[in-house]
Amino acid sequence: MATPKNTVPRGKVSTPLVLAMSSGMITIGLVAAMGVSTANQVEEEEVARVQLAALVLDDRSAEAVAESFLDAWRRRSWDEAAGISSGVAHESALQKKQIDADMDETDRVMARQVWERLAGAPLEVLFRGSENLEGGAIALDGVAAYDFMGAPYRREVHWEVEPAGEPNTQLWRVRLMQNGEVLSDAPALLRGEE
């Protein structure tokens, strides 16, 4: 009895089936390797996120509240910025919060994560001058200094701060913040360099 042309002898596997099975095994191996790599990447990103400088709010001096407000502002922490501000600064923080709230949820979360990564470096403010204003308020001028996208970032900033509540409470609020001239070069990535 003759065997049909398209059949494979008993105990043997056809070449196309062997190739298909091999491709399937390779694909499974690649997917497993990518899964492990992705899990490691997520874990590394989580560790990096924890290593970002924490936001600390301090309203016990004019300089401390100015620096705290700027730090909250650059991190898009609008509730925290609003909590240590009054007047124009307070209204600006609430407006920024509303703009974020009007964004699509996915876009808002993504923007916040990206911004935290970009602005999470420790902030230092070098105060250059102050002037007493009416009602016990103080005008402050300084330079904000921190790393932005892996490069040093320096910018002039002007604040007006005022005592919070009773004259001798020792607590302060930012009533105005104005960003001034950028004193550093833009990061290489923003200049189109690698």
C-alpha atoms as a PDB file:
ATOM      1  CA  MET A   1       0.000   0.000   0.000  1.00  0.00           C
ATOM      2  CA  ALA A   2       1.402   3.381  -1.013  1.00  0.00           C
ATOM      3  CA  THR A   3       1.445   6.384   1.339  1.00  0.00           C
ATOM      4  CA  PRO A   4      -0.269   9.571   0.194  1.00  0.00           C
ATOM      5  CA  LYS A   5       2.076  12.403  -0.878  1.00  0.00           C
ATOM      6  CA  ASN A   6       0.973  14.909   1.830  1.00  0.00           C
ATOM      7  CA  THR A   7       1.314  12.662   4.826  1.00  0.00           C
ATOM      8  CA  VAL A   8       4.257  12.381   7.169  1.00  0.00           C
ATOM      9  CA  PRO A   9       5.441   8.951   8.275  1.00  0.00           C
ATOM     10  CA  ARG A  10       4.363   7.940  11.787  1.00  0.00           C
ATOM     11  CA  GLY A  11       6.636   9.303  14.555  1.00  0.00           C
ATOM     12  CA  LYS A  12       7.947  12.167  12.443  1.00  0.00           C
ATOM     13  CA  VAL A  13       6.851  15.842  12.484  1.00  0.00           C
ATOM     14  CA  SER A  14       6.536  17.911   9.338  1.00  0.00           C
ATOM     15  CA  THR A  15       9.063  20.699   8.691  1.00  0.00           C
ATOM     16  CA  PRO A  16       6.440  23.493   8.600  1.00  0.00           C
ATOM     17  CA  LEU A  17       5.072  22.349  11.969  1.00  0.00           C
ATOM     18  CA  VAL A  18       8.586  22.292  13.469  1.00  0.00           C
ATOM     19  CA  LEU A  19       9.205  25.831  12.197  1.00  0.00           C
ATOM     20  CA  ALA A  20       5.876  27.081  13.564  1.00  0.00           C
ATOM     21  CA  MET A  21       6.538  25.513  16.970  1.00  0.00           C
ATOM     22  CA  SER A  22      10.070  26.985  17.059  1.00  0.00           C
ATOM     23  CA  SER A  23       8.758  30.433  16.201  1.00  0.00           C
ATOM     24  CA  GLY A  24       6.138  30.122  18.934  1.00  0.00           C
ATOM     25  CA  MET A  25       8.765  29.156  21.520  1.00  0.00           C
ATOM     26  CA  ILE A  26      11.023  32.028  20.508  1.00  0.00           C
ATOM     27  CA  THR A  27       8.105  34.450  20.751  1.00  0.00           C
ATOM     28  CA  ILE A  28       7.197  33.177  24.215  1.00  0.00           C
ATOM     29  CA  GLY A  29      10.820  33.577  25.309  1.00  0.00           C
ATOM     30  CA  LEU A  30      10.998  37.135  24.005  1.00  0.00           C
ATOM     31  CA  VAL A  31       7.712  38.090  25.679  1.00  0.00           C
ATOM     32  CA  ALA A  32       8.928  36.620  28.984  1.00  0.00           C
ATOM     33  CA  ALA A  33      12.248  38.483  28.714  1.00  0.00           C
ATOM     34  CA  MET A  34      10.451  41.753  27.927  1.00  0.00           C
ATOM     35  CA  GLY A  35       8.139  41.207  30.891  1.00  0.00           C
ATOM     36  CA  VAL A  36      11.091  40.823  33.250  1.00  0.00           C
ATOM     37  CA  SER A  37      12.804  43.856  31.681  1.00  0.00           C
ATOM     38  CA  THR A  38       9.628  45.953  31.980  1.00  0.00           C
ATOM     39  CA  ALA A  39       9.163  44.916  35.612  1.00  0.00           C
ATOM     40  CA  ASN A  40      12.767  45.905  36.362  1.00  0.00           C
ATOM     41  CA  GLN A  41      12.287  49.232  34.566  1.00  0.00           C
ATOM     42  CA  VAL A  42       9.110  49.990  36.546  1.00  0.00           C
ATOM     43  CA  GLU A  43      10.926  49.130  39.783  1.00  0.00           C
ATOM     44  CA  GLU A  44      13.880  51.391  38.846  1.00  0.00           C
ATOM     45  CA  GLU A  45      11.499  54.254  38.002  1.00  0.00           C
ATOM     46  CA  GLU A  46       9.730  53.795  41.334  1.00  0.00           C
ATOM     47  CA  VAL A  47      13.048  53.951  43.198  1.00  0.00           C
ATOM     48  CA  ALA A  48      14.036  57.066  41.214  1.00  0.00           C
ATOM     49  CA  ARG A  49      10.704  58.712  42.044  1.00  0.00           C
ATOM     50  CA  VAL A  50      11.279  58.080  45.763  1.00  0.00           C
ATOM     51  CA  GLN A  51      14.748  59.642  45.479  1.00  0.00           C
ATOM     52  CA  LEU A  52      13.347  62.978  44.279  1.00  0.00           C
ATOM     53  CA  ALA A  53      13.593  65.749  46.829  1.00  0.00           C
ATOM     54  CA  ALA A  54      10.541  65.969  49.064  1.00  0.00           C
ATOM     55  CA  LEU A  55       8.388  69.091  49.042  1.00  0.00           C
ATOM     56  CA  VAL A  56       8.778  70.817  52.401  1.00  0.00           C
ATOM     57  CA  LEU A  57       6.568  73.776  53.262  1.00  0.00           C
ATOM     58  CA  ASP A  58       7.903  76.279  55.795  1.00  0.00           C
ATOM     59  CA  ASP A  59       6.080  79.534  56.505  1.00  0.00           C
ATOM     60  CA  ARG A  60       8.033  80.593  59.613  1.00  0.00           C
ATOM     61  CA  SER A  61      10.072  83.281  57.842  1.00  0.00           C
ATOM     62  CA  ALA A  62       9.706  85.502  54.797  1.00  0.00           C
ATOM     63  CA  GLU A  63      12.508  83.718  52.942  1.00  0.00           C
ATOM     64  CA  ALA A  64      11.292  80.225  53.862  1.00  0.00           C
ATOM     65  CA  VAL A  65       7.728  80.828  52.665  1.00  0.00           C
ATOM     66  CA  ALA A  66       8.994  82.378  49.407  1.00  0.00           C
ATOM     67  CA  GLU A  67      11.165  79.340  48.698  1.00  0.00           C
ATOM     68  CA  SER A  68       8.391  76.922  49.731  1.00  0.00           C
ATOM     69  CA  PHE A  69       5.867  78.627  47.453  1.00  0.00           C
ATOM     70  CA  LEU A  70       8.247  78.500  44.483  1.00  0.00           C
ATOM     71  CA  ASP A  71       8.992  74.831  45.152  1.00  0.00           C
ATOM     72  CA  ALA A  72       5.277  73.968  45.289  1.00  0.00           C
ATOM     73  CA  TRP A  73       4.676  76.029  42.143  1.00  0.00           C
ATOM     74  CA  ARG A  74       7.402  74.367  40.078  1.00  0.00           C
ATOM     75  CA  ARG A  75       6.050  70.937  41.099  1.00  0.00           C
ATOM     76  CA  ARG A  76       2.468  71.884  40.197  1.00  0.00           C
ATOM     77  CA  SER A  77       1.423  71.270  43.810  1.00  0.00           C
ATOM     78  CA  TRP A  78      -1.325  73.855  43.605  1.00  0.00           C
ATOM     79  CA  ASP A  79      -3.078  73.022  46.901  1.00  0.00           C
ATOM     80  CA  GLU A  80       0.180  73.400  48.797  1.00  0.00           C
ATOM     81  CA  ALA A  81       0.989  76.665  46.985  1.00  0.00           C
ATOM     82  CA  ALA A  82      -2.503  78.000  47.746  1.00  0.00           C
ATOM     83  CA  GLY A  83      -2.145  77.021  51.410  1.00  0.00           C
ATOM     84  CA  ILE A  84       0.853  79.311  51.952  1.00  0.00           C
ATOM     85  CA  SER A  85      -0.273  82.249  49.854  1.00  0.00           C
ATOM     86  CA  SER A  86      -2.685  85.173  49.767  1.00  0.00           C
ATOM     87  CA  GLY A  87      -3.838  87.766  47.255  1.00  0.00           C
ATOM     88  CA  VAL A  88      -2.648  87.442  43.666  1.00  0.00           C
ATOM     89  CA  ALA A  89      -0.395  84.452  44.408  1.00  0.00           C
ATOM     90  CA  HIS A  90      -3.269  82.552  46.038  1.00  0.00           C
ATOM     91  CA  GLU A  91      -5.626  83.281  43.124  1.00  0.00           C
ATOM     92  CA  SER A  92      -2.937  82.247  40.610  1.00  0.00           C
ATOM     93  CA  ALA A  93      -2.431  78.897  42.363  1.00  0.00           C
ATOM     94  CA  LEU A  94      -6.202  78.263  42.343  1.00  0.00           C
ATOM     95  CA  GLN A  95      -6.395  79.161  38.630  1.00  0.00           C
ATOM     96  CA  LYS A  96      -3.548  76.755  37.833  1.00  0.00           C
ATOM     97  CA  LYS A  97      -5.326  74.059  39.851  1.00  0.00           C
ATOM     98  CA  GLN A  98      -8.513  74.631  37.825  1.00  0.00           C
ATOM     99  CA  ILE A  99      -6.601  74.449  34.534  1.00  0.00           C
ATOM    100  CA  ASP A 100      -5.163  71.093  35.623  1.00  0.00           C
ATOM    101  CA  ALA A 101      -8.603  69.902  36.753  1.00  0.00           C
ATOM    102  CA  ASP A 102     -10.039  70.748  33.322  1.00  0.00           C
ATOM    103  CA  MET A 103      -7.455  68.511  31.621  1.00  0.00           C
ATOM    104  CA  ASP A 104      -8.239  64.945  30.633  1.00  0.00           C
ATOM    105  CA  GLU A 105      -7.418  62.634  33.580  1.00  0.00           C
ATOM    106  CA  THR A 106      -4.766  60.698  31.657  1.00  0.00           C
ATOM    107  CA  ASP A 107      -3.104  63.902  30.437  1.00  0.00           C
ATOM    108  CA  ARG A 108      -3.173  65.405  33.941  1.00  0.00           C
ATOM    109  CA  VAL A 109      -1.553  62.344  35.532  1.00  0.00           C
ATOM    110  CA  MET A 110       1.053  62.116  32.779  1.00  0.00           C
ATOM    111  CA  ALA A 111       1.844  65.854  32.981  1.00  0.00           C
ATOM    112  CA  ARG A 112       2.218  65.685  36.748  1.00  0.00           C
ATOM    113  CA  GLN A 113       4.534  62.655  36.576  1.00  0.00           C
ATOM    114  CA  VAL A 114       6.673  64.267  33.889  1.00  0.00           C
ATOM    115  CA  TRP A 115       6.785  67.569  35.760  1.00  0.00           C
ATOM    116  CA  GLU A 116       7.694  65.871  39.050  1.00  0.00           C
ATOM    117  CA  ARG A 117      10.558  64.172  37.255  1.00  0.00           C
ATOM    118  CA  LEU A 118      11.696  67.425  35.643  1.00  0.00           C
ATOM    119  CA  ALA A 119      11.293  69.652  38.705  1.00  0.00           C
ATOM    120  CA  GLY A 120      11.982  67.182  41.510  1.00  0.00           C
ATOM    121  CA  ALA A 121      15.584  68.255  42.038  1.00  0.00           C
ATOM    122  CA  PRO A 122      16.347  70.074  45.289  1.00  0.00           C
ATOM    123  CA  LEU A 123      15.683  73.810  45.112  1.00  0.00           C
ATOM    124  CA  GLU A 124      18.023  76.453  46.442  1.00  0.00           C
ATOM    125  CA  VAL A 125      17.151  80.140  46.488  1.00  0.00           C
ATOM    126  CA  LEU A 126      19.944  82.687  46.734  1.00  0.00           C
ATOM    127  CA  PHE A 127      18.300  85.816  48.140  1.00  0.00           C
ATOM    128  CA  ARG A 128      19.898  89.016  46.838  1.00  0.00           C
ATOM    129  CA  GLY A 129      17.880  91.748  48.481  1.00  0.00           C
ATOM    130  CA  SER A 130      14.808  92.741  50.434  1.00  0.00           C
ATOM    131  CA  GLU A 131      12.723  95.842  50.970  1.00  0.00           C
ATOM    132  CA  ASN A 132      10.190  96.638  53.687  1.00  0.00           C
ATOM    133  CA  LEU A 133       6.723  97.425  52.341  1.00  0.00           C
ATOM    134  CA  GLU A 134       3.590  98.858  53.969  1.00  0.00           C
ATOM    135  CA  GLY A 135       1.760  96.752  56.533  1.00  0.00           C
ATOM    136  CA  GLY A 136       4.802  94.686  57.491  1.00  0.00           C
ATOM    137  CA  ALA A 137       5.111  93.064  54.050  1.00  0.00           C
ATOM    138  CA  ILE A 138       8.545  92.423  52.542  1.00  0.00           C
ATOM    139  CA  ALA A 139       9.682  92.397  48.907  1.00  0.00           C
ATOM    140  CA  LEU A 140      12.342  89.767  48.201  1.00  0.00           C
ATOM    141  CA  ASP A 141      14.578  89.321  45.183  1.00  0.00           C
ATOM    142  CA  GLY A 142      16.591  86.197  44.552  1.00  0.00           C
ATOM    143  CA  VAL A 143      17.808  83.567  42.149  1.00  0.00           C
ATOM    144  CA  ALA A 144      16.198  80.125  42.064  1.00  0.00           C
ATOM    145  CA  ALA A 145      18.786  77.406  41.452  1.00  0.00           C
ATOM    146  CA  TYR A 146      18.148  73.730  40.707  1.00  0.00           C
ATOM    147  CA  ASP A 147      18.835  71.072  38.115  1.00  0.00           C
ATOM    148  CA  PHE A 148      16.299  70.882  35.313  1.00  0.00           C
ATOM    149  CA  MET A 149      16.496  67.987  32.847  1.00  0.00           C
ATOM    150  CA  GLY A 150      20.015  67.208  34.017  1.00  0.00           C
ATOM    151  CA  ALA A 151      21.361  70.753  33.592  1.00  0.00           C
ATOM    152  CA  PRO A 152      21.800  73.633  36.056  1.00  0.00           C
ATOM    153  CA  TYR A 153      18.866  76.055  35.886  1.00  0.00           C
ATOM    154  CA  ARG A 154      19.024  79.579  37.323  1.00  0.00           C
ATOM    155  CA  ARG A 155      16.248  82.181  37.220  1.00  0.00           C
ATOM    156  CA  GLU A 156      15.606  85.501  38.891  1.00  0.00           C
ATOM    157  CA  VAL A 157      12.461  85.612  41.028  1.00  0.00           C
ATOM    158  CA  HIS A 158      10.665  88.429  42.858  1.00  0.00           C
ATOM    159  CA  TRP A 159       8.254  87.860  45.762  1.00  0.00           C
ATOM    160  CA  GLU A 160       6.109  89.926  48.051  1.00  0.00           C
ATOM    161  CA  VAL A 161       5.364  88.230  51.350  1.00  0.00           C
ATOM    162  CA  GLU A 162       3.219  89.376  54.247  1.00  0.00           C
ATOM    163  CA  PRO A 163       2.565  88.304  57.822  1.00  0.00           C
ATOM    164  CA  ALA A 164      -0.274  85.803  58.171  1.00  0.00           C
ATOM    165  CA  GLY A 165      -3.040  86.773  60.582  1.00  0.00           C
ATOM    166  CA  GLU A 166      -1.993  88.574  63.755  1.00  0.00           C
ATOM    167  CA  PRO A 167       1.121  90.761  63.578  1.00  0.00           C
ATOM    168  CA  ASN A 168       3.213  88.588  65.941  1.00  0.00           C
ATOM    169  CA  THR A 169       2.190  85.125  64.695  1.00  0.00           C
ATOM    170  CA  GLN A 170       5.584  84.589  63.030  1.00  0.00           C
ATOM    171  CA  LEU A 171       3.863  82.983  60.015  1.00  0.00           C
ATOM    172  CA  TRP A 172       4.118  84.331  56.469  1.00  0.00           C
ATOM    173  CA  ARG A 173       2.198  84.128  53.180  1.00  0.00           C
ATOM    174  CA  VAL A 174       3.323  84.850  49.620  1.00  0.00           C
ATOM    175  CA  ARG A 175       1.045  87.460  48.071  1.00  0.00           C
ATOM    176  CA  LEU A 176       2.911  87.842  44.769  1.00  0.00           C
ATOM    177  CA  MET A 177       5.562  85.916  42.834  1.00  0.00           C
ATOM    178  CA  GLN A 178       7.018  87.046  39.529  1.00  0.00           C
ATOM    179  CA  ASN A 179       9.525  85.038  37.527  1.00  0.00           C
ATOM    180  CA  GLY A 180      12.320  87.100  36.031  1.00  0.00           C
ATOM    181  CA  GLU A 181      15.135  86.527  33.607  1.00  0.00           C
ATOM    182  CA  VAL A 182      16.485  83.001  33.016  1.00  0.00           C
ATOM    183  CA  LEU A 183      20.209  83.130  33.772  1.00  0.00           C
ATOM    184  CA  SER A 184      21.223  79.704  32.442  1.00  0.00           C
ATOM    185  CA  ASP A 185      21.271  78.000  29.071  1.00  0.00           C
ATOM    186  CA  ALA A 186      18.344  75.777  28.134  1.00  0.00           C
ATOM    187  CA  PRO A 187      19.003  72.065  28.730  1.00  0.00           C
ATOM    188  CA  ALA A 188      20.596  70.241  25.778  1.00  0.00           C
ATOM    189  CA  LEU A 189      17.409  68.240  25.145  1.00  0.00           C
ATOM    190  CA  LEU A 190      15.373  71.434  24.702  1.00  0.00           C
ATOM    191  CA  ARG A 191      18.038  72.858  22.362  1.00  0.00           C
ATOM    192  CA  GLY A 192      17.687  69.764  20.165  1.00  0.00           C
ATOM    193  CA  GLU A 193      20.984  68.230  21.272  1.00  0.00           C
ATOM    194  CA  GLU A 194      21.428  64.784  22.740  1.00  0.00           C
END
